[in-house]
Amino acid sequence: MQESQSDLAQLLRQIEDEYSAAKGGLSGLCSGAAKHQFITARMENIGAYCARLSQLVGEENAIRCVLEAAERQIP
């Protein structure tokens, strides 16, 4: 149980980090296709983390966690 809680905390932190990076990418020095590719990669990572999260807490709870992480990072 302790290991799954640790995995959960790590996944949530990674999701928040990806949202933060994507947000930073919007105002970064890159432009055009490079900016799009950077943000797309962040969102794909979030999708992968969400899939792993759903294995731990179920799909509905995983989606809720991802949405809450997004709300904390994107005002």
Protein backbone atom coordinates (compact mmCIF):
# COMPACT_ATOMS: atom_id res chain seq x y z
CA MET A 1 0.00 0.00 0.00
CA GLN A 2 2.81 2.40 0.90
CA GLU A 3 4.46 1.80 -2.48
CA SER A 4 1.28 2.61 -4.39
CA GLN A 5 0.86 5.84 -2.41
CA SER A 6 4.43 6.76 -3.28
CA ASP A 7 3.78 5.93 -6.95
CA LEU A 8 0.63 8.02 -6.83
CA ALA A 9 2.43 11.02 -5.34
CA GLN A 10 5.21 10.73 -7.90
CA LEU A 11 2.78 10.53 -10.83
CA LEU A 12 0.83 13.54 -9.58
CA ARG A 13 4.04 15.55 -9.24
CA GLN A 14 5.13 14.54 -12.75
CA ILE A 15 1.75 15.60 -14.13
CA GLU A 16 2.02 18.98 -12.42
CA ASP A 17 5.57 19.38 -13.72
CA GLU A 18 4.43 18.64 -17.28
CA TYR A 19 1.61 21.19 -17.04
CA SER A 20 4.06 23.72 -15.65
CA ALA A 21 6.49 23.05 -18.50
CA ALA A 22 3.72 23.36 -21.09
CA LYS A 23 2.64 26.64 -19.54
CA GLY A 24 6.23 27.86 -19.70
CA GLY A 25 6.41 26.75 -23.31
CA LEU A 26 3.64 29.15 -24.18
CA SER A 27 5.77 32.11 -23.16
CA GLY A 28 9.20 30.68 -24.02
CA LEU A 29 11.61 31.70 -26.72
CA CYS A 30 10.51 29.01 -29.18
CA SER A 31 7.92 29.82 -31.80
CA GLY A 32 5.84 28.10 -34.42
CA ALA A 33 6.35 24.39 -34.93
CA ALA A 34 8.98 24.07 -32.18
CA LYS A 35 6.59 25.52 -29.60
CA HIS A 36 3.79 23.27 -30.83
CA GLN A 37 6.00 20.17 -30.66
CA PHE A 38 7.18 21.04 -27.16
CA ILE A 39 3.67 21.49 -25.81
CA THR A 40 2.40 18.40 -27.66
CA ALA A 41 5.16 16.33 -26.06
CA ARG A 42 4.18 17.61 -22.60
CA MET A 43 0.53 16.73 -23.20
CA GLU A 44 1.45 13.26 -24.48
CA ASN A 45 3.49 12.70 -21.32
CA ILE A 46 0.49 13.73 -19.23
CA GLY A 47 -1.61 11.19 -21.13
CA ALA A 48 0.90 8.43 -20.37
CA TYR A 49 1.02 9.40 -16.70
CA CYS A 50 -2.78 9.43 -16.58
CA ALA A 51 -2.87 5.89 -18.00
CA ARG A 52 -0.48 4.72 -15.28
CA LEU A 53 -2.46 6.62 -12.67
CA SER A 54 -5.69 4.93 -13.77
CA GLN A 55 -4.10 1.56 -13.02
CA LEU A 56 -3.59 2.71 -9.44
CA VAL A 57 -6.82 4.56 -8.70
CA GLY A 58 -9.23 3.79 -11.55
CA GLU A 59 -9.99 5.80 -14.66
CA GLU A 60 -12.50 8.22 -13.16
CA ASN A 61 -10.25 9.12 -10.23
CA ALA A 62 -7.23 9.45 -12.54
CA ILE A 63 -9.07 11.91 -14.74
CA ARG A 64 -10.16 13.87 -11.68
CA CYS A 65 -6.55 14.00 -10.43
CA VAL A 66 -5.28 15.22 -13.80
CA LEU A 67 -7.94 17.93 -13.99
CA GLU A 68 -7.10 19.09 -10.47
CA ALA A 69 -3.40 19.21 -11.37
CA ALA A 70 -4.24 21.30 -14.44
CA GLU A 71 -6.30 23.71 -12.36
CA ARG A 72 -3.38 24.20 -9.98
CA GLN A 73 -0.98 24.98 -12.84
CA ILE A 74 -3.17 26.91 -15.26
CA PRO A 75 -4.96 29.87 -13.66
